[in-house]
Amino acid sequence: MSVMHFDQLLDVSEFNCPMPLLKAKQALRYLEQGKVLKVIATDAGSVRDFATFIKHSEHEMLDMYELEQHYYYFICKN
């Protein structure tokens, strides 16, 4: 398990695709540049969604891992 600094926590574990990504995009909109958003999701489809989003955005995925059917994303707003 990775321990990483984050500035805001977004728990979207009760949501299914596409809501985890939509809620993360909304949270990033209000986060200051250089701050880190930690997202917790349970939807396996979020892995693909977040990878595609990061690939086509200016934001950076600092870390991503799965632990006990939860997916953890650390996204730095650029």
PDB file of N, CA and C in Angstrom:
ATOM      1  N   MET A   1       0.843  -1.187   0.000  1.00  0.00           N
ATOM      2  CA  MET A   1       0.000   0.000   0.000  1.00  0.00           C
ATOM      3  C   MET A   1       0.881   1.241   0.000  1.00  0.00           C
ATOM      4  N   SER A   2       0.515   2.177  -0.805  1.00  0.00           N
ATOM      5  CA  SER A   2       1.291   3.402  -0.958  1.00  0.00           C
ATOM      6  C   SER A   2       0.746   4.491  -0.036  1.00  0.00           C
ATOM      7  N   VAL A   3       1.653   5.191   0.611  1.00  0.00           N
ATOM      8  CA  VAL A   3       1.271   6.342   1.428  1.00  0.00           C
ATOM      9  C   VAL A   3       1.772   7.579   0.699  1.00  0.00           C
ATOM     10  N   MET A   4       0.856   8.408   0.268  1.00  0.00           N
ATOM     11  CA  MET A   4       1.228   9.588  -0.513  1.00  0.00           C
ATOM     12  C   MET A   4       0.444  10.785  -0.002  1.00  0.00           C
ATOM     13  N   HIS A   5       1.089  11.928  -0.067  1.00  0.00           N
ATOM     14  CA  HIS A   5       0.440  13.178   0.328  1.00  0.00           C
ATOM     15  C   HIS A   5      -0.704  13.482  -0.626  1.00  0.00           C
ATOM     16  N   PHE A   6      -1.791  14.000  -0.091  1.00  0.00           N
ATOM     17  CA  PHE A   6      -2.884  14.495  -0.921  1.00  0.00           C
ATOM     18  C   PHE A   6      -3.527  15.675  -0.214  1.00  0.00           C
ATOM     19  N   ASP A   7      -4.161  16.529  -1.004  1.00  0.00           N
ATOM     20  CA  ASP A   7      -4.790  17.738  -0.470  1.00  0.00           C
ATOM     21  C   ASP A   7      -6.296  17.598  -0.312  1.00  0.00           C
ATOM     22  N   GLN A   8      -6.896  16.730  -1.112  1.00  0.00           N
ATOM     23  CA  GLN A   8      -8.345  16.542  -1.037  1.00  0.00           C
ATOM     24  C   GLN A   8      -8.660  15.073  -1.279  1.00  0.00           C
ATOM     25  N   LEU A   9      -9.616  14.546  -0.532  1.00  0.00           N
ATOM     26  CA  LEU A   9     -10.060  13.161  -0.677  1.00  0.00           C
ATOM     27  C   LEU A   9     -11.445  13.145  -1.309  1.00  0.00           C
ATOM     28  N   LEU A  10     -11.603  12.299  -2.312  1.00  0.00           N
ATOM     29  CA  LEU A  10     -12.898  12.115  -2.967  1.00  0.00           C
ATOM     30  C   LEU A  10     -13.219  10.628  -2.941  1.00  0.00           C
ATOM     31  N   ASP A  11     -14.199  10.246  -2.148  1.00  0.00           N
ATOM     32  CA  ASP A  11     -14.621   8.846  -2.048  1.00  0.00           C
ATOM     33  C   ASP A  11     -15.853   8.645  -2.917  1.00  0.00           C
ATOM     34  N   VAL A  12     -15.658   7.963  -4.038  1.00  0.00           N
ATOM     35  CA  VAL A  12     -16.763   7.699  -4.959  1.00  0.00           C
ATOM     36  C   VAL A  12     -17.043   6.199  -5.029  1.00  0.00           C
ATOM     37  N   SER A  13     -16.756   5.514  -3.937  1.00  0.00           N
ATOM     38  CA  SER A  13     -16.876   4.053  -3.928  1.00  0.00           C
ATOM     39  C   SER A  13     -18.311   3.562  -4.070  1.00  0.00           C
ATOM     40  N   GLU A  14     -19.288   4.411  -3.826  1.00  0.00           N
ATOM     41  CA  GLU A  14     -20.682   3.969  -3.967  1.00  0.00           C
ATOM     42  C   GLU A  14     -21.223   4.198  -5.372  1.00  0.00           C
ATOM     43  N   PHE A  15     -20.396   4.738  -6.270  1.00  0.00           N
ATOM     44  CA  PHE A  15     -20.848   5.068  -7.620  1.00  0.00           C
ATOM     45  C   PHE A  15     -20.280   4.113  -8.666  1.00  0.00           C
ATOM     46  N   ASN A  16     -21.040   3.922  -9.739  1.00  0.00           N
ATOM     47  CA  ASN A  16     -20.594   3.138 -10.885  1.00  0.00           C
ATOM     48  C   ASN A  16     -20.293   4.073 -12.047  1.00  0.00           C
ATOM     49  N   CYS A  17     -19.611   3.542 -13.036  1.00  0.00           N
ATOM     50  CA  CYS A  17     -19.232   4.264 -14.242  1.00  0.00           C
ATOM     51  C   CYS A  17     -20.459   4.945 -14.845  1.00  0.00           C
ATOM     52  N   PRO A  18     -20.365   6.182 -15.251  1.00  0.00           N
ATOM     53  CA  PRO A  18     -19.197   7.060 -15.361  1.00  0.00           C
ATOM     54  C   PRO A  18     -19.046   8.037 -14.191  1.00  0.00           C
ATOM     55  N   MET A  19     -19.829   7.864 -13.132  1.00  0.00           N
ATOM     56  CA  MET A  19     -19.849   8.851 -12.053  1.00  0.00           C
ATOM     57  C   MET A  19     -18.508   9.068 -11.342  1.00  0.00           C
ATOM     58  N   PRO A  20     -17.694   8.029 -11.079  1.00  0.00           N
ATOM     59  CA  PRO A  20     -16.412   8.317 -10.409  1.00  0.00           C
ATOM     60  C   PRO A  20     -15.564   9.333 -11.168  1.00  0.00           C
ATOM     61  N   LEU A  21     -15.469   9.165 -12.485  1.00  0.00           N
ATOM     62  CA  LEU A  21     -14.674  10.099 -13.281  1.00  0.00           C
ATOM     63  C   LEU A  21     -15.326  11.482 -13.335  1.00  0.00           C
ATOM     64  N   LEU A  22     -16.638  11.533 -13.497  1.00  0.00           N
ATOM     65  CA  LEU A  22     -17.314  12.830 -13.557  1.00  0.00           C
ATOM     66  C   LEU A  22     -17.142  13.605 -12.257  1.00  0.00           C
ATOM     67  N   LYS A  23     -17.250  12.927 -11.141  1.00  0.00           N
ATOM     68  CA  LYS A  23     -17.081  13.597  -9.849  1.00  0.00           C
ATOM     69  C   LYS A  23     -15.625  14.022  -9.642  1.00  0.00           C
ATOM     70  N   ALA A  24     -14.677  13.223 -10.129  1.00  0.00           N
ATOM     71  CA  ALA A  24     -13.266  13.597 -10.032  1.00  0.00           C
ATOM     72  C   ALA A  24     -12.974  14.827 -10.885  1.00  0.00           C
ATOM     73  N   LYS A  25     -13.528  14.875 -12.088  1.00  0.00           N
ATOM     74  CA  LYS A  25     -13.339  16.047 -12.949  1.00  0.00           C
ATOM     75  C   LYS A  25     -13.879  17.304 -12.273  1.00  0.00           C
ATOM     76  N   GLN A  26     -15.048  17.172 -11.643  1.00  0.00           N
ATOM     77  CA  GLN A  26     -15.644  18.310 -10.946  1.00  0.00           C
ATOM     78  C   GLN A  26     -14.760  18.753  -9.783  1.00  0.00           C
ATOM     79  N   ALA A  27     -14.235  17.813  -9.017  1.00  0.00           N
ATOM     80  CA  ALA A  27     -13.359  18.153  -7.888  1.00  0.00           C
ATOM     81  C   ALA A  27     -12.078  18.821  -8.379  1.00  0.00           C
ATOM     82  N   LEU A  28     -11.510  18.324  -9.477  1.00  0.00           N
ATOM     83  CA  LEU A  28     -10.284  18.913 -10.022  1.00  0.00           C
ATOM     84  C   LEU A  28     -10.513  20.347 -10.483  1.00  0.00           C
ATOM     85  N   ARG A  29     -11.697  20.627 -10.969  1.00  0.00           N
ATOM     86  CA  ARG A  29     -12.017  21.974 -11.440  1.00  0.00           C
ATOM     87  C   ARG A  29     -11.838  23.006 -10.328  1.00  0.00           C
ATOM     88  N   TYR A  30     -12.149  22.616  -9.099  1.00  0.00           N
ATOM     89  CA  TYR A  30     -12.087  23.550  -7.969  1.00  0.00           C
ATOM     90  C   TYR A  30     -10.807  23.436  -7.147  1.00  0.00           C
ATOM     91  N   LEU A  31      -9.939  22.521  -7.514  1.00  0.00           N
ATOM     92  CA  LEU A  31      -8.676  22.336  -6.809  1.00  0.00           C
ATOM     93  C   LEU A  31      -7.630  23.298  -7.374  1.00  0.00           C
ATOM     94  N   GLU A  32      -6.771  23.808  -6.515  1.00  0.00           N
ATOM     95  CA  GLU A  32      -5.712  24.707  -6.977  1.00  0.00           C
ATOM     96  C   GLU A  32      -4.655  23.929  -7.751  1.00  0.00           C
ATOM     97  N   GLN A  33      -4.015  24.610  -8.687  1.00  0.00           N
ATOM     98  CA  GLN A  33      -2.949  23.999  -9.473  1.00  0.00           C
ATOM     99  C   GLN A  33      -1.844  23.495  -8.547  1.00  0.00           C
ATOM    100  N   GLY A  34      -1.340  22.296  -8.817  1.00  0.00           N
ATOM    101  CA  GLY A  34      -0.269  21.701  -8.027  1.00  0.00           C
ATOM    102  C   GLY A  34      -0.762  20.887  -6.841  1.00  0.00           C
ATOM    103  N   LYS A  35      -2.061  20.946  -6.557  1.00  0.00           N
ATOM    104  CA  LYS A  35      -2.633  20.176  -5.446  1.00  0.00           C
ATOM    105  C   LYS A  35      -2.968  18.760  -5.920  1.00  0.00           C
ATOM    106  N   VAL A  36      -3.044  17.837  -4.955  1.00  0.00           N
ATOM    107  CA  VAL A  36      -3.266  16.425  -5.272  1.00  0.00           C
ATOM    108  C   VAL A  36      -4.635  15.967  -4.778  1.00  0.00           C
ATOM    109  N   LEU A  37      -5.363  15.333  -5.690  1.00  0.00           N
ATOM    110  CA  LEU A  37      -6.669  14.759  -5.386  1.00  0.00           C
ATOM    111  C   LEU A  37      -6.504  13.250  -5.241  1.00  0.00           C
ATOM    112  N   LYS A  38      -6.947  12.712  -4.110  1.00  0.00           N
ATOM    113  CA  LYS A  38      -6.968  11.262  -3.906  1.00  0.00           C
ATOM    114  C   LYS A  38      -8.396  10.793  -4.145  1.00  0.00           C
ATOM    115  N   VAL A  39      -8.554   9.827  -5.043  1.00  0.00           N
ATOM    116  CA  VAL A  39      -9.869   9.290  -5.368  1.00  0.00           C
ATOM    117  C   VAL A  39      -9.911   7.822  -4.960  1.00  0.00           C
ATOM    118  N   ILE A  40     -10.994   7.435  -4.283  1.00  0.00           N
ATOM    119  CA  ILE A  40     -11.219   6.041  -3.923  1.00  0.00           C
ATOM    120  C   ILE A  40     -12.458   5.575  -4.681  1.00  0.00           C
ATOM    121  N   ALA A  41     -12.306   4.509  -5.464  1.00  0.00           N
ATOM    122  CA  ALA A  41     -13.419   3.979  -6.254  1.00  0.00           C
ATOM    123  C   ALA A  41     -13.477   2.459  -6.100  1.00  0.00           C
ATOM    124  N   THR A  42     -14.643   1.890  -6.373  1.00  0.00           N
ATOM    125  CA  THR A  42     -14.791   0.434  -6.349  1.00  0.00           C
ATOM    126  C   THR A  42     -15.156  -0.119  -7.723  1.00  0.00           C
ATOM    127  N   ASP A  43     -15.499   0.744  -8.648  1.00  0.00           N
ATOM    128  CA  ASP A  43     -15.883   0.318  -9.992  1.00  0.00           C
ATOM    129  C   ASP A  43     -14.638  -0.020 -10.808  1.00  0.00           C
ATOM    130  N   ALA A  44     -14.513  -1.282 -11.230  1.00  0.00           N
ATOM    131  CA  ALA A  44     -13.334  -1.710 -11.996  1.00  0.00           C
ATOM    132  C   ALA A  44     -13.193  -0.927 -13.305  1.00  0.00           C
ATOM    133  N   GLY A  45     -14.301  -0.454 -13.852  1.00  0.00           N
ATOM    134  CA  GLY A  45     -14.248   0.347 -15.078  1.00  0.00           C
ATOM    135  C   GLY A  45     -13.553   1.680 -14.888  1.00  0.00           C
ATOM    136  N   SER A  46     -13.405   2.098 -13.636  1.00  0.00           N
ATOM    137  CA  SER A  46     -12.743   3.384 -13.380  1.00  0.00           C
ATOM    138  C   SER A  46     -11.270   3.346 -13.778  1.00  0.00           C
ATOM    139  N   VAL A  47     -10.659   2.169 -13.768  1.00  0.00           N
ATOM    140  CA  VAL A  47      -9.241   2.058 -14.156  1.00  0.00           C
ATOM    141  C   VAL A  47      -9.067   2.549 -15.590  1.00  0.00           C
ATOM    142  N   ARG A  48      -9.880   2.041 -16.479  1.00  0.00           N
ATOM    143  CA  ARG A  48      -9.826   2.453 -17.881  1.00  0.00           C
ATOM    144  C   ARG A  48     -10.206   3.921 -18.038  1.00  0.00           C
ATOM    145  N   ASP A  49     -11.285   4.335 -17.342  1.00  0.00           N
ATOM    146  CA  ASP A  49     -11.757   5.710 -17.461  1.00  0.00           C
ATOM    147  C   ASP A  49     -10.710   6.720 -17.022  1.00  0.00           C
ATOM    148  N   PHE A  50     -10.084   6.471 -15.862  1.00  0.00           N
ATOM    149  CA  PHE A  50      -9.095   7.412 -15.357  1.00  0.00           C
ATOM    150  C   PHE A  50      -7.834   7.419 -16.229  1.00  0.00           C
ATOM    151  N   ALA A  51      -7.423   6.251 -16.723  1.00  0.00           N
ATOM    152  CA  ALA A  51      -6.241   6.191 -17.592  1.00  0.00           C
ATOM    153  C   ALA A  51      -6.455   7.007 -18.864  1.00  0.00           C
ATOM    154  N   THR A  52      -7.636   6.870 -19.459  1.00  0.00           N
ATOM    155  CA  THR A  52      -7.952   7.615 -20.675  1.00  0.00           C
ATOM    156  C   THR A  52      -8.036   9.111 -20.396  1.00  0.00           C
ATOM    157  N   PHE A  53      -8.669   9.465 -19.293  1.00  0.00           N
ATOM    158  CA  PHE A  53      -8.794  10.875 -18.924  1.00  0.00           C
ATOM    159  C   PHE A  53      -7.418  11.521 -18.742  1.00  0.00           C
ATOM    160  N   ILE A  54      -6.533  10.868 -18.004  1.00  0.00           N
ATOM    161  CA  ILE A  54      -5.200  11.414 -17.741  1.00  0.00           C
ATOM    162  C   ILE A  54      -4.412  11.545 -19.045  1.00  0.00           C
ATOM    163  N   LYS A  55      -4.548  10.557 -19.912  1.00  0.00           N
ATOM    164  CA  LYS A  55      -3.835  10.579 -21.195  1.00  0.00           C
ATOM    165  C   LYS A  55      -4.207  11.803 -22.026  1.00  0.00           C
ATOM    166  N   HIS A  56      -5.457  12.240 -21.908  1.00  0.00           N
ATOM    167  CA  HIS A  56      -5.951  13.345 -22.736  1.00  0.00           C
ATOM    168  C   HIS A  56      -6.118  14.651 -21.958  1.00  0.00           C
ATOM    169  N   SER A  57      -5.543  14.724 -20.767  1.00  0.00           N
ATOM    170  CA  SER A  57      -5.650  15.954 -19.981  1.00  0.00           C
ATOM    171  C   SER A  57      -4.261  16.463 -19.634  1.00  0.00           C
ATOM    172  N   GLU A  58      -4.227  17.612 -18.999  1.00  0.00           N
ATOM    173  CA  GLU A  58      -2.953  18.187 -18.560  1.00  0.00           C
ATOM    174  C   GLU A  58      -2.568  17.685 -17.169  1.00  0.00           C
ATOM    175  N   HIS A  59      -3.453  16.941 -16.519  1.00  0.00           N
ATOM    176  CA  HIS A  59      -3.203  16.464 -15.162  1.00  0.00           C
ATOM    177  C   HIS A  59      -2.251  15.265 -15.161  1.00  0.00           C
ATOM    178  N   GLU A  60      -1.689  14.960 -14.006  1.00  0.00           N
ATOM    179  CA  GLU A  60      -0.701  13.888 -13.889  1.00  0.00           C
ATOM    180  C   GLU A  60      -1.165  12.858 -12.865  1.00  0.00           C
ATOM    181  N   MET A  61      -1.104  11.574 -13.248  1.00  0.00           N
ATOM    182  CA  MET A  61      -1.405  10.485 -12.320  1.00  0.00           C
ATOM    183  C   MET A  61      -0.115  10.181 -11.563  1.00  0.00           C
ATOM    184  N   LEU A  62      -0.079  10.535 -10.285  1.00  0.00           N
ATOM    185  CA  LEU A  62       1.114  10.319  -9.480  1.00  0.00           C
ATOM    186  C   LEU A  62       1.229   8.872  -9.007  1.00  0.00           C
ATOM    187  N   ASP A  63       0.082   8.267  -8.736  1.00  0.00           N
ATOM    188  CA  ASP A  63       0.068   6.878  -8.281  1.00  0.00           C
ATOM    189  C   ASP A  63      -1.324   6.315  -8.504  1.00  0.00           C
ATOM    190  N   MET A  64      -1.390   5.016  -8.688  1.00  0.00           N
ATOM    191  CA  MET A  64      -2.659   4.309  -8.822  1.00  0.00           C
ATOM    192  C   MET A  64      -2.420   2.888  -8.369  1.00  0.00           C
ATOM    193  N   TYR A  65      -3.294   2.386  -7.502  1.00  0.00           N
ATOM    194  CA  TYR A  65      -3.172   0.993  -7.083  1.00  0.00           C
ATOM    195  C   TYR A  65      -4.527   0.449  -6.668  1.00  0.00           C
ATOM    196  N   GLU A  66      -4.607  -0.894  -6.607  1.00  0.00           N
ATOM    197  CA  GLU A  66      -5.810  -1.586  -6.185  1.00  0.00           C
ATOM    198  C   GLU A  66      -5.502  -2.314  -4.883  1.00  0.00           C
ATOM    199  N   LEU A  67      -6.424  -2.237  -3.937  1.00  0.00           N
ATOM    200  CA  LEU A  67      -6.277  -2.929  -2.667  1.00  0.00           C
ATOM    201  C   LEU A  67      -7.662  -3.352  -2.187  1.00  0.00           C
ATOM    202  N   GLU A  68      -7.856  -4.639  -2.057  1.00  0.00           N
ATOM    203  CA  GLU A  68      -9.119  -5.180  -1.552  1.00  0.00           C
ATOM    204  C   GLU A  68     -10.335  -4.646  -2.304  1.00  0.00           C
ATOM    205  N   GLN A  69     -10.273  -4.727  -3.615  1.00  0.00           N
ATOM    206  CA  GLN A  69     -11.356  -4.313  -4.516  1.00  0.00           C
ATOM    207  C   GLN A  69     -11.686  -2.825  -4.439  1.00  0.00           C
ATOM    208  N   HIS A  70     -10.732  -2.030  -4.003  1.00  0.00           N
ATOM    209  CA  HIS A  70     -10.831  -0.572  -4.044  1.00  0.00           C
ATOM    210  C   HIS A  70      -9.687  -0.065  -4.921  1.00  0.00           C
ATOM    211  N   TYR A  71      -9.977   0.950  -5.699  1.00  0.00           N
ATOM    212  CA  TYR A  71      -8.987   1.554  -6.590  1.00  0.00           C
ATOM    213  C   TYR A  71      -8.661   2.939  -6.061  1.00  0.00           C
ATOM    214  N   TYR A  72      -7.374   3.206  -5.948  1.00  0.00           N
ATOM    215  CA  TYR A  72      -6.894   4.473  -5.393  1.00  0.00           C
ATOM    216  C   TYR A  72      -6.130   5.223  -6.472  1.00  0.00           C
ATOM    217  N   TYR A  73      -6.500   6.479  -6.673  1.00  0.00           N
ATOM    218  CA  TYR A  73      -5.869   7.333  -7.681  1.00  0.00           C
ATOM    219  C   TYR A  73      -5.374   8.597  -6.991  1.00  0.00           C
ATOM    220  N   PHE A  74      -4.165   8.996  -7.335  1.00  0.00           N
ATOM    221  CA  PHE A  74      -3.580  10.248  -6.839  1.00  0.00           C
ATOM    222  C   PHE A  74      -3.293  11.107  -8.062  1.00  0.00           C
ATOM    223  N   ILE A  75      -4.091  12.150  -8.232  1.00  0.00           N
ATOM    224  CA  ILE A  75      -4.013  12.981  -9.423  1.00  0.00           C
ATOM    225  C   ILE A  75      -3.566  14.392  -9.038  1.00  0.00           C
ATOM    226  N   CYS A  76      -2.495  14.842  -9.697  1.00  0.00           N
ATOM    227  CA  CYS A  76      -2.006  16.208  -9.472  1.00  0.00           C
ATOM    228  C   CYS A  76      -2.620  17.115 -10.530  1.00  0.00           C
ATOM    229  N   LYS A  77      -3.253  18.192 -10.087  1.00  0.00           N
ATOM    230  CA  LYS A  77      -3.827  19.149 -11.028  1.00  0.00           C
ATOM    231  C   LYS A  77      -2.715  20.025 -11.592  1.00  0.00           C
ATOM    232  N   ASN A  78      -2.611  20.050 -12.899  1.00  0.00           N
ATOM    233  CA  ASN A  78      -1.620  20.891 -13.582  1.00  0.00           C
ATOM    234  C   ASN A  78      -2.305  22.015 -14.325  1.00  0.00           C
TER     235      ASN A  78
END
